[in-house]
C-alpha atoms as a PDB file:
ATOM      1  CA  MET A   1       0.007   0.000   0.013  1.00  0.00           C
ATOM      2  CA  THR A   2       2.712   2.537   0.955  1.00  0.00           C
ATOM      3  CA  ASP A   3       4.224   2.316  -2.552  1.00  0.00           C
ATOM      4  CA  ARG A   4       1.031   3.523  -4.292  1.00  0.00           C
ATOM      5  CA  GLY A   5       1.751   7.207  -4.395  1.00  0.00           C
ATOM      6  CA  PRO A   6       4.623   9.711  -4.434  1.00  0.00           C
ATOM      7  CA  VAL A   7       6.198  10.851  -1.161  1.00  0.00           C
ATOM      8  CA  LEU A   8       5.009  14.277   0.032  1.00  0.00           C
ATOM      9  CA  ALA A   9       7.342  14.474   2.948  1.00  0.00           C
ATOM     10  CA  ASP A  10       9.858  12.477   5.006  1.00  0.00           C
ATOM     11  CA  LEU A  11       9.812  13.866   8.481  1.00  0.00           C
ATOM     12  CA  ASP A  12      12.071  13.286  11.503  1.00  0.00           C
ATOM     13  CA  ARG A  13       9.143  13.248  13.914  1.00  0.00           C
ATOM     14  CA  PRO A  14       6.864  11.935  15.247  1.00  0.00           C
ATOM     15  CA  ARG A  15       8.539   8.525  15.756  1.00  0.00           C
ATOM     16  CA  LEU A  16       7.232   5.230  17.115  1.00  0.00           C
ATOM     17  CA  ASP A  17       8.968   1.933  17.947  1.00  0.00           C
ATOM     18  CA  ALA A  18       5.953   0.049  16.696  1.00  0.00           C
ATOM     19  CA  PRO A  19       4.891   1.540  13.312  1.00  0.00           C
ATOM     20  CA  VAL A  20       1.319   2.743  12.637  1.00  0.00           C
ATOM     21  CA  THR A  21      -0.420   3.954   9.523  1.00  0.00           C
ATOM     22  CA  LEU A  22      -3.037   6.768   9.477  1.00  0.00           C
ATOM     23  CA  ALA A  23      -5.140   7.560   6.486  1.00  0.00           C
ATOM     24  CA  LEU A  24      -6.021  11.281   6.026  1.00  0.00           C
ATOM     25  CA  ILE A  25      -9.124  12.199   4.083  1.00  0.00           C
ATOM     26  CA  ALA A  26      -9.822  15.820   3.529  1.00  0.00           C
ATOM     27  CA  ASP A  27     -12.536  17.956   1.884  1.00  0.00           C
ATOM     28  CA  PRO A  28     -14.801  15.382   0.162  1.00  0.00           C
ATOM     29  CA  HIS A  29     -17.563  17.952  -0.113  1.00  0.00           C
ATOM     30  CA  LEU A  30     -20.154  15.245  -0.585  1.00  0.00           C
ATOM     31  CA  ALA A  31     -23.121  16.489  -2.627  1.00  0.00           C
ATOM     32  CA  VAL A  32     -26.358  14.672  -3.235  1.00  0.00           C
ATOM     33  CA  GLU A  33     -27.527  16.842  -6.190  1.00  0.00           C
ATOM     34  CA  GLY A  34     -26.017  18.906  -8.955  1.00  0.00           C
ATOM     35  CA  ASP A  35     -22.884  18.457 -11.044  1.00  0.00           C
ATOM     36  CA  GLY A  36     -19.934  20.334 -12.280  1.00  0.00           C
ATOM     37  CA  THR A  37     -18.068  23.134 -10.415  1.00  0.00           C
ATOM     38  CA  TRP A  38     -14.379  22.820  -9.626  1.00  0.00           C
ATOM     39  CA  LYS A  39     -15.336  20.540  -6.679  1.00  0.00           C
ATOM     40  CA  LEU A  40     -16.990  18.096  -9.121  1.00  0.00           C
ATOM     41  CA  ARG A  41     -20.173  17.577  -7.108  1.00  0.00           C
ATOM     42  CA  HIS A  42     -21.218  14.704  -9.485  1.00  0.00           C
ATOM     43  CA  ARG A  43     -18.012  12.797  -8.555  1.00  0.00           C
ATOM     44  CA  SER A  44     -17.898  13.527  -4.789  1.00  0.00           C
ATOM     45  CA  GLU A  45     -19.581  10.309  -3.745  1.00  0.00           C
ATOM     46  CA  PRO A  46     -17.475   7.813  -5.670  1.00  0.00           C
ATOM     47  CA  ARG A  47     -14.247   9.609  -4.668  1.00  0.00           C
ATOM     48  CA  LEU A  48     -15.195   9.392  -0.984  1.00  0.00           C
ATOM     49  CA  ARG A  49     -16.201   5.780  -1.389  1.00  0.00           C
ATOM     50  CA  THR A  50     -12.796   4.972  -2.909  1.00  0.00           C
ATOM     51  CA  ALA A  51     -11.023   6.938  -0.141  1.00  0.00           C
ATOM     52  CA  ILE A  52     -12.845   4.886   2.498  1.00  0.00           C
ATOM     53  CA  GLU A  53     -12.007   1.604   0.750  1.00  0.00           C
ATOM     54  CA  THR A  54      -8.290   2.634   0.808  1.00  0.00           C
ATOM     55  CA  ALA A  55      -8.503   3.893   4.402  1.00  0.00           C
ATOM     56  CA  ASN A  56      -9.681   0.487   5.494  1.00  0.00           C
ATOM     57  CA  GLU A  57      -6.146  -0.788   4.842  1.00  0.00           C
ATOM     58  CA  ALA A  58      -4.626   1.594   7.403  1.00  0.00           C
ATOM     59  CA  ASP A  59      -4.611   1.302  11.181  1.00  0.00           C
ATOM     60  CA  ALA A  60      -6.916   4.276  11.512  1.00  0.00           C
ATOM     61  CA  VAL A  61      -8.362   7.211   9.566  1.00  0.00           C
ATOM     62  CA  ALA A  62      -8.845  10.885  10.349  1.00  0.00           C
ATOM     63  CA  PHE A  63     -11.284  13.011   8.264  1.00  0.00           C
ATOM     64  CA  VAL A  64      -9.945  16.507   7.991  1.00  0.00           C
ATOM     65  CA  GLY A  65     -13.327  18.397   7.578  1.00  0.00           C
ATOM     66  CA  ASP A  66     -15.835  19.564   4.892  1.00  0.00           C
ATOM     67  CA  LEU A  67     -17.423  16.105   4.803  1.00  0.00           C
ATOM     68  CA  THR A  68     -20.384  17.768   3.105  1.00  0.00           C
ATOM     69  CA  ASN A  69     -20.792  20.261   0.261  1.00  0.00           C
ATOM     70  CA  ASP A  70     -23.160  22.637   2.009  1.00  0.00           C
ATOM     71  CA  GLY A  71     -24.067  21.111   5.415  1.00  0.00           C
ATOM     72  CA  ARG A  72     -27.503  19.891   4.248  1.00  0.00           C
ATOM     73  CA  PRO A  73     -29.117  17.122   6.310  1.00  0.00           C
ATOM     74  CA  ALA A  74     -29.452  14.826   3.265  1.00  0.00           C
ATOM     75  CA  GLU A  75     -25.655  15.247   2.689  1.00  0.00           C
ATOM     76  CA  PHE A  76     -24.861  14.200   6.246  1.00  0.00           C
ATOM     77  CA  ASP A  77     -27.170  11.193   5.879  1.00  0.00           C
ATOM     78  CA  ARG A  78     -25.296  10.123   2.719  1.00  0.00           C
ATOM     79  CA  VAL A  79     -21.959  10.524   4.506  1.00  0.00           C
ATOM     80  CA  ASP A  80     -23.333   8.212   7.191  1.00  0.00           C
ATOM     81  CA  ASP A  81     -24.226   5.634   4.562  1.00  0.00           C
ATOM     82  CA  LEU A  82     -20.612   5.623   3.307  1.00  0.00           C
ATOM     83  CA  PHE A  83     -19.108   5.716   6.771  1.00  0.00           C
ATOM     84  CA  ALA A  84     -20.956   2.530   7.555  1.00  0.00           C
ATOM     85  CA  ASP A  85     -18.256   0.759   5.442  1.00  0.00           C
ATOM     86  CA  LEU A  86     -15.458   1.862   7.732  1.00  0.00           C
ATOM     87  CA  SER A  87     -13.757  -1.085   9.342  1.00  0.00           C
ATOM     88  CA  VAL A  88     -10.897   0.640  11.215  1.00  0.00           C
ATOM     89  CA  PRO A  89     -10.980   3.249  14.030  1.00  0.00           C
ATOM     90  CA  TRP A  90     -11.817   6.738  12.791  1.00  0.00           C
ATOM     91  CA  THR A  91     -12.769  10.290  13.765  1.00  0.00           C
ATOM     92  CA  ALA A  92     -13.624  13.454  11.869  1.00  0.00           C
ATOM     93  CA  VAL A  93     -13.290  17.205  12.526  1.00  0.00           C
ATOM     94  CA  PRO A  94     -15.792  19.729  11.193  1.00  0.00           C
ATOM     95  CA  GLY A  95     -15.008  21.948   8.240  1.00  0.00           C
ATOM     96  CA  ASN A  96     -16.576  25.323   7.407  1.00  0.00           C
ATOM     97  CA  HIS A  97     -19.034  23.607   4.945  1.00  0.00           C
ATOM     98  CA  ASP A  98     -20.269  21.342   7.735  1.00  0.00           C
ATOM     99  CA  VAL A  99     -21.597  24.076  10.047  1.00  0.00           C
ATOM    100  CA  ALA A 100     -24.407  26.665   9.886  1.00  0.00           C
ATOM    101  CA  LYS A 101     -23.825  29.860   8.015  1.00  0.00           C
ATOM    102  CA  SER A 102     -25.957  33.049   8.010  1.00  0.00           C
ATOM    103  CA  PHE A 103     -25.844  33.065   4.210  1.00  0.00           C
ATOM    104  CA  ASP A 104     -27.249  29.522   3.752  1.00  0.00           C
ATOM    105  CA  SER A 105     -30.935  29.118   2.756  1.00  0.00           C
ATOM    106  CA  HIS A 106     -31.174  25.712   4.425  1.00  0.00           C
ATOM    107  CA  GLU A 107     -30.936  24.369   7.929  1.00  0.00           C
ATOM    108  CA  THR A 108     -27.634  22.736   8.997  1.00  0.00           C
ATOM    109  CA  PRO A 109     -27.401  20.526  12.083  1.00  0.00           C
ATOM    110  CA  PRO A 110     -25.761  22.245  15.066  1.00  0.00           C
ATOM    111  CA  ILE A 111     -22.085  21.624  15.862  1.00  0.00           C
ATOM    112  CA  ALA A 112     -23.101  19.526  18.868  1.00  0.00           C
ATOM    113  CA  ASP A 113     -24.751  17.035  16.533  1.00  0.00           C
ATOM    114  CA  PHE A 114     -21.633  16.824  14.379  1.00  0.00           C
ATOM    115  CA  ALA A 115     -19.489  16.262  17.473  1.00  0.00           C
ATOM    116  CA  ARG A 116     -21.763  13.402  18.589  1.00  0.00           C
ATOM    117  CA  ARG A 117     -22.215  11.883  15.103  1.00  0.00           C
ATOM    118  CA  TYR A 118     -18.618  11.974  13.854  1.00  0.00           C
ATOM    119  CA  ARG A 119     -16.531  11.503  16.970  1.00  0.00           C
ATOM    120  CA  GLY A 120     -16.218   7.884  15.854  1.00  0.00           C
ATOM    121  CA  ASP A 121     -13.650   6.020  17.980  1.00  0.00           C
ATOM    122  CA  ALA A 122     -12.137   9.122  19.545  1.00  0.00           C
ATOM    123  CA  THR A 123     -12.617   9.957  23.194  1.00  0.00           C
ATOM    124  CA  ARG A 124     -13.340  13.274  24.832  1.00  0.00           C
ATOM    125  CA  PRO A 125     -10.966  14.287  27.689  1.00  0.00           C
ATOM    126  CA  ASP A 126     -13.839  16.145  29.397  1.00  0.00           C
ATOM    127  CA  ALA A 127     -17.451  16.986  28.942  1.00  0.00           C
ATOM    128  CA  ALA A 128     -16.711  19.437  26.136  1.00  0.00           C
ATOM    129  CA  ALA A 129     -17.142  18.500  22.529  1.00  0.00           C
ATOM    130  CA  TYR A 130     -13.524  19.336  21.471  1.00  0.00           C
ATOM    131  CA  PRO A 131     -10.683  18.533  21.368  1.00  0.00           C
ATOM    132  CA  VAL A 132     -11.119  14.782  20.894  1.00  0.00           C
ATOM    133  CA  LEU A 133      -8.422  12.138  21.131  1.00  0.00           C
ATOM    134  CA  LEU A 134      -7.937   9.177  18.899  1.00  0.00           C
ATOM    135  CA  ARG A 135      -5.255   6.700  19.883  1.00  0.00           C
ATOM    136  CA  VAL A 136      -3.533   4.734  17.052  1.00  0.00           C
ATOM    137  CA  GLY A 137      -1.165   2.300  18.621  1.00  0.00           C
ATOM    138  CA  GLY A 138       1.317   4.455  20.562  1.00  0.00           C
ATOM    139  CA  LEU A 139       0.360   7.621  18.634  1.00  0.00           C
ATOM    140  CA  ARG A 140      -2.002  10.294  19.978  1.00  0.00           C
ATOM    141  CA  VAL A 141      -4.132  12.065  17.280  1.00  0.00           C
ATOM    142  CA  VAL A 142      -5.648  15.201  18.819  1.00  0.00           C
ATOM    143  CA  CYS A 143      -8.490  16.648  16.825  1.00  0.00           C
ATOM    144  CA  LEU A 144      -9.791  20.272  16.925  1.00  0.00           C
ATOM    145  CA  ASN A 145     -12.852  22.167  15.928  1.00  0.00           C
ATOM    146  CA  THR A 146     -11.877  25.256  13.960  1.00  0.00           C
ATOM    147  CA  ALA A 147     -15.140  25.531  12.053  1.00  0.00           C
ATOM    148  CA  ALA A 148     -17.536  26.529  14.940  1.00  0.00           C
ATOM    149  CA  PRO A 149     -15.499  26.765  18.198  1.00  0.00           C
ATOM    150  CA  GLU A 150     -17.027  27.789  21.464  1.00  0.00           C
ATOM    151  CA  ASN A 151     -17.316  31.591  22.095  1.00  0.00           C
ATOM    152  CA  VAL A 152     -16.239  32.444  18.597  1.00  0.00           C
ATOM    153  CA  SER A 153     -18.752  33.370  15.874  1.00  0.00           C
ATOM    154  CA  THR A 154     -18.069  31.927  12.402  1.00  0.00           C
ATOM    155  CA  ARG A 155     -21.610  32.233  11.011  1.00  0.00           C
ATOM    156  CA  ASP A 156     -20.839  35.027   8.555  1.00  0.00           C
ATOM    157  CA  THR A 157     -17.445  33.704   7.243  1.00  0.00           C
ATOM    158  CA  TRP A 158     -15.746  30.605   5.932  1.00  0.00           C
ATOM    159  CA  SER A 159     -12.603  31.376   8.057  1.00  0.00           C
ATOM    160  CA  GLY A 160     -12.248  29.716  11.511  1.00  0.00           C
ATOM    161  CA  ALA A 161     -10.348  29.596  14.770  1.00  0.00           C
ATOM    162  CA  VAL A 162      -9.531  27.269  17.654  1.00  0.00           C
ATOM    163  CA  GLY A 163     -10.664  29.896  20.144  1.00  0.00           C
ATOM    164  CA  PRO A 164      -9.489  30.638  23.698  1.00  0.00           C
ATOM    165  CA  THR A 165     -11.651  28.003  25.388  1.00  0.00           C
ATOM    166  CA  GLN A 166     -10.619  25.183  23.170  1.00  0.00           C
ATOM    167  CA  ARG A 167      -6.889  26.314  23.315  1.00  0.00           C
ATOM    168  CA  SER A 168      -7.051  26.031  27.095  1.00  0.00           C
ATOM    169  CA  ARG A 169      -8.384  22.438  26.829  1.00  0.00           C
ATOM    170  CA  LEU A 170      -5.787  21.670  24.187  1.00  0.00           C
ATOM    171  CA  ALA A 171      -2.968  22.882  26.431  1.00  0.00           C
ATOM    172  CA  ALA A 172      -4.172  20.703  29.266  1.00  0.00           C
ATOM    173  CA  LEU A 173      -4.519  17.665  27.113  1.00  0.00           C
ATOM    174  CA  LEU A 174      -1.133  17.988  25.518  1.00  0.00           C
ATOM    175  CA  ALA A 175       0.450  18.401  28.992  1.00  0.00           C
ATOM    176  CA  GLU A 176      -0.957  15.097  30.209  1.00  0.00           C
ATOM    177  CA  GLU A 177       1.410  12.811  28.213  1.00  0.00           C
ATOM    178  CA  PRO A 178       4.336  14.987  27.124  1.00  0.00           C
ATOM    179  CA  GLU A 179       6.451  11.931  26.118  1.00  0.00           C
ATOM    180  CA  THR A 180       3.746  10.345  23.967  1.00  0.00           C
ATOM    181  CA  PRO A 181       4.232  10.871  20.242  1.00  0.00           C
ATOM    182  CA  THR A 182       1.401  13.244  19.165  1.00  0.00           C
ATOM    183  CA  LEU A 183       0.054  15.012  16.108  1.00  0.00           C
ATOM    184  CA  VAL A 184      -2.813  17.495  15.759  1.00  0.00           C
ATOM    185  CA  VAL A 185      -5.655  17.590  13.205  1.00  0.00           C
ATOM    186  CA  ALA A 186      -7.731  20.670  12.309  1.00  0.00           C
ATOM    187  CA  HIS A 187      -9.584  21.811   9.212  1.00  0.00           C
ATOM    188  CA  HIS A 188      -8.234  25.376   8.936  1.00  0.00           C
ATOM    189  CA  ASN A 189      -4.681  26.058   8.200  1.00  0.00           C
ATOM    190  CA  LEU A 190      -2.110  27.260  10.832  1.00  0.00           C
ATOM    191  CA  GLY A 191      -0.683  30.026   8.591  1.00  0.00           C
ATOM    192  CA  PRO A 192      -0.766  31.203   4.961  1.00  0.00           C
ATOM    193  CA  LEU A 193       1.041  29.624   2.066  1.00  0.00           C
ATOM    194  CA  PRO A 194       3.813  31.845   0.696  1.00  0.00           C
ATOM    195  CA  GLU A 195       2.030  31.797  -2.651  1.00  0.00           C
ATOM    196  CA  HIS A 196      -1.067  33.442  -0.989  1.00  0.00           C
ATOM    197  CA  PRO A 197       0.280  35.776   1.694  1.00  0.00           C
ATOM    198  CA  GLY A 198      -2.976  37.610   2.429  1.00  0.00           C
ATOM    199  CA  GLY A 199      -5.989  39.475   1.142  1.00  0.00           C
ATOM    200  CA  GLU A 200      -9.229  38.034  -0.071  1.00  0.00           C
ATOM    201  CA  PRO A 201     -10.027  35.193  -0.431  1.00  0.00           C
ATOM    202  CA  TRP A 202      -6.716  33.708   0.760  1.00  0.00           C
ATOM    203  CA  SER A 203      -6.913  35.173   4.218  1.00  0.00           C
ATOM    204  CA  ASN A 204      -9.861  32.977   5.028  1.00  0.00           C
ATOM    205  CA  PHE A 205      -7.881  29.790   4.911  1.00  0.00           C
ATOM    206  CA  ALA A 206      -5.799  30.175   8.026  1.00  0.00           C
ATOM    207  CA  ALA A 207      -7.356  30.112  11.472  1.00  0.00           C
ATOM    208  CA  ASN A 208      -7.746  33.536  12.881  1.00  0.00           C
ATOM    209  CA  ASP A 209      -5.652  32.561  15.944  1.00  0.00           C
ATOM    210  CA  ALA A 210      -3.185  30.445  13.994  1.00  0.00           C
ATOM    211  CA  ALA A 211      -0.152  32.202  15.558  1.00  0.00           C
ATOM    212  CA  ARG A 212      -1.314  31.441  19.108  1.00  0.00           C
ATOM    213  CA  VAL A 213      -2.059  27.835  18.133  1.00  0.00           C
ATOM    214  CA  ARG A 214       1.428  27.463  16.577  1.00  0.00           C
ATOM    215  CA  GLU A 215       2.968  28.933  19.678  1.00  0.00           C
ATOM    216  CA  LEU A 216       1.100  26.423  21.935  1.00  0.00           C
ATOM    217  CA  LEU A 217       2.118  23.449  19.781  1.00  0.00           C
ATOM    218  CA  SER A 218       5.745  24.528  19.675  1.00  0.00           C
ATOM    219  CA  GLU A 219       5.846  25.044  23.464  1.00  0.00           C
ATOM    220  CA  THR A 220       4.511  21.559  24.019  1.00  0.00           C
ATOM    221  CA  GLY A 221       6.854  19.923  21.457  1.00  0.00           C
ATOM    222  CA  ILE A 222       4.231  18.821  18.950  1.00  0.00           C
ATOM    223  CA  PRO A 223       6.091  18.192  15.687  1.00  0.00           C
ATOM    224  CA  LEU A 224       3.250  17.781  13.180  1.00  0.00           C
ATOM    225  CA  ALA A 225      -0.197  19.394  12.430  1.00  0.00           C
ATOM    226  CA  ILE A 226      -2.529  18.124   9.688  1.00  0.00           C
ATOM    227  CA  THR A 227      -4.935  20.557   8.091  1.00  0.00           C
ATOM    228  CA  GLY A 228      -7.141  20.806   4.960  1.00  0.00           C
ATOM    229  CA  HIS A 229      -9.460  23.558   3.688  1.00  0.00           C
ATOM    230  CA  GLN A 230      -7.185  24.866   0.999  1.00  0.00           C
ATOM    231  CA  HIS A 231      -7.412  21.787  -1.327  1.00  0.00           C
ATOM    232  CA  VAL A 232      -3.616  22.013  -1.863  1.00  0.00           C
ATOM    233  CA  PRO A 233      -1.154  19.254  -0.987  1.00  0.00           C
ATOM    234  CA  ALA A 234       1.632  21.130   0.766  1.00  0.00           C
ATOM    235  CA  ILE A 235       4.267  20.936   3.460  1.00  0.00           C
ATOM    236  CA  GLU A 236       5.063  24.107   5.445  1.00  0.00           C
ATOM    237  CA  GLN A 237       7.685  24.509   8.125  1.00  0.00           C
ATOM    238  CA  ARG A 238       6.483  26.884  10.709  1.00  0.00           C
ATOM    239  CA  GLY A 239       9.329  27.167  13.273  1.00  0.00           C
ATOM    240  CA  GLY A 240       9.627  23.795  15.034  1.00  0.00           C
ATOM    241  CA  LEU A 241       6.165  22.764  13.762  1.00  0.00           C
ATOM    242  CA  THR A 242       5.604  21.041  10.381  1.00  0.00           C
ATOM    243  CA  GLU A 243       2.182  21.642   8.833  1.00  0.00           C
ATOM    244  CA  LEU A 244       0.942  19.088   6.283  1.00  0.00           C
ATOM    245  CA  LEU A 245      -1.940  20.455   4.187  1.00  0.00           C
ATOM    246  CA  ALA A 246      -3.926  17.509   2.816  1.00  0.00           C
ATOM    247  CA  PRO A 247      -5.337  17.508  -0.671  1.00  0.00           C
ATOM    248  CA  ALA A 248      -9.087  17.418  -1.302  1.00  0.00           C
ATOM    249  CA  THR A 249     -10.706  14.152  -2.405  1.00  0.00           C
ATOM    250  CA  CYS A 250     -13.269  16.114  -4.454  1.00  0.00           C
ATOM    251  CA  SER A 251     -11.062  18.454  -6.565  1.00  0.00           C
ATOM    252  CA  PHE A 252      -7.817  18.182  -8.466  1.00  0.00           C
ATOM    253  CA  PRO A 253      -5.739  16.087  -7.857  1.00  0.00           C
ATOM    254  CA  GLN A 254      -8.426  14.068  -6.084  1.00  0.00           C
ATOM    255  CA  ALA A 255      -6.148  12.353  -3.603  1.00  0.00           C
ATOM    256  CA  MET A 256      -5.710  11.403   0.133  1.00  0.00           C
ATOM    257  CA  VAL A 257      -2.665  11.037   2.290  1.00  0.00           C
ATOM    258  CA  TRP A 258      -1.173   7.896   3.730  1.00  0.00           C
ATOM    259  CA  LEU A 259       0.882   8.603   6.857  1.00  0.00           C
ATOM    260  CA  ARG A 260       3.290   6.032   8.271  1.00  0.00           C
ATOM    261  CA  VAL A 261       4.873   6.752  11.673  1.00  0.00           C
ATOM    262  CA  ALA A 262       7.764   4.474  12.534  1.00  0.00           C
ATOM    263  CA  SER A 263      11.091   4.400  14.462  1.00  0.00           C
ATOM    264  CA  ASP A 264      12.866   6.248  11.646  1.00  0.00           C
ATOM    265  CA  GLY A 265      10.303   9.088  11.445  1.00  0.00           C
ATOM    266  CA  THR A 266       7.146   9.856   9.517  1.00  0.00           C
ATOM    267  CA  THR A 267       6.522   9.443   5.802  1.00  0.00           C
ATOM    268  CA  ALA A 268       3.527  11.069   4.069  1.00  0.00           C
ATOM    269  CA  ARG A 269       2.475   9.798   0.675  1.00  0.00           C
ATOM    270  CA  LEU A 270      -0.024  11.150  -1.804  1.00  0.00           C
ATOM    271  CA  VAL A 271      -2.539   8.401  -2.799  1.00  0.00           C
ATOM    272  CA  PRO A 272      -4.568   9.147  -6.047  1.00  0.00           C
ATOM    273  CA  LEU A 273      -8.258   8.347  -5.929  1.00  0.00           C
ATOM    274  CA  ALA A 274      -9.069   8.782  -9.665  1.00  0.00           C
ATOM    275  CA  ASP A 275      -7.781   7.425 -12.945  1.00  0.00           C
ATOM    276  CA  ARG A 276      -6.170   9.499 -15.663  1.00  0.00           C
ATOM    277  CA  GLU A 277      -9.433  10.350 -17.348  1.00  0.00           C
ATOM    278  CA  ALA A 278     -11.065  11.465 -14.148  1.00  0.00           C
ATOM    279  CA  THR A 279      -8.066  13.460 -13.162  1.00  0.00           C
ATOM    280  CA  ALA A 280      -8.163  15.256 -16.478  1.00  0.00           C
ATOM    281  CA  GLU A 281     -11.791  16.055 -15.901  1.00  0.00           C
ATOM    282  CA  ALA A 282     -10.976  17.543 -12.469  1.00  0.00           C
ATOM    283  CA  TYR A 283      -8.213  19.641 -14.004  1.00  0.00           C
ATOM    284  CA  TRP A 284     -10.497  21.007 -16.681  1.00  0.00           C
ATOM    285  CA  HIS A 285     -13.181  22.037 -14.182  1.00  0.00           C
ATOM    286  CA  ALA A 286     -10.619  23.819 -12.102  1.00  0.00           C
ATOM    287  CA  LYS A 287      -8.908  25.441 -15.124  1.00  0.00           C
ATOM    288  CA  THR A 288     -12.137  26.812 -16.412  1.00  0.00           C
ATOM    289  CA  GLY A 289     -13.603  27.616 -13.004  1.00  0.00           C
ATOM    290  CA  LYS A 290     -13.744  30.755 -11.003  1.00  0.00           C
ATOM    291  CA  PRO A 291     -10.587  32.630 -10.072  1.00  0.00           C
ATOM    292  CA  LEU A 292     -10.237  30.904  -6.715  1.00  0.00           C
ATOM    293  CA  ALA A 293     -10.337  27.509  -8.378  1.00  0.00           C
ATOM    294  CA  GLN A 294      -7.722  28.538 -10.871  1.00  0.00           C
ATOM    295  CA  GLY A 295      -5.420  29.915  -8.201  1.00  0.00           C
ATOM    296  CA  ILE A 296      -5.737  26.695  -6.129  1.00  0.00           C
ATOM    297  CA  LEU A 297      -5.040  24.641  -9.305  1.00  0.00           C
ATOM    298  CA  ASP A 298      -1.912  26.670 -10.143  1.00  0.00           C
ATOM    299  CA  THR A 299      -0.597  26.314  -6.623  1.00  0.00           C
ATOM    300  CA  THR A 300      -1.279  22.587  -6.520  1.00  0.00           C
ATOM    301  CA  ILE A 301       0.542  21.980  -9.767  1.00  0.00           C
ATOM    302  CA  ARG A 302       3.561  23.990  -8.630  1.00  0.00           C
ATOM    303  CA  ARG A 303       3.628  22.124  -5.366  1.00  0.00           C
ATOM    304  CA  LEU A 304       3.405  18.686  -7.058  1.00  0.00           C
ATOM    305  CA  ASP A 305       6.064  19.628  -9.637  1.00  0.00           C
ATOM    306  CA  GLY A 306       8.339  21.025  -7.050  1.00  0.00           C
END
């Protein structure tokens, strides 16, 4: 399995004496109606199904947000149908498309419902919804809610934050087992990509409190954070923290990440989910799409070619 795709990164940490594999599935944007757009709504279900089939070969799987296209109840119901095929431990974090927005014309289930429905095999350290903790062998996978955190309003934007309340819980959780290899999963990025330093729409990709979160992770020795949201496969070094941006399953290049943590470090591989013809279709929809889609496509190609 680990030879199926190209290496995105070879990292020194985290390390484990007994190797584990973690599948990372980001931004499936599952839609139950419509077609087209750069997110290929008409292909979202088969791509997610293929990702789940692949993930079942790993030790566990983490979904990195935007399970649904618009947070419609019918979309969540279809996600549940596909998740029924999961045969390994799993958990999911919410993305901005999974939570209620003031500009939506439909009802979206509250974040408490998402937390209950998609915690999967993770545990909650306390009575709060997030963070949650998934143990994969000797690895801790700490999962955050950046889409609709407590005491932070995100109803009018697709940006996000961890928020002061959740950061406090995160600090306490990370301090409990300082020697245990740990990585963090969140939907929103922990800083900009150098290709997109700021301004609309790029400023909406990083969490509003990304600097504070990075500082906390660095202080507690966390070596790796997994994020999604931007649909670009990328590795960014942010001080002592490595951020791995996972590609989207729905849009070009329609892929997931296979993470192997072992005694010699961590290897991340890009695993394609579509054949050549389907990948060409995804490229065309992005190339002829809106400026945001074209910008993301250009960045993705540069990153993959680099």
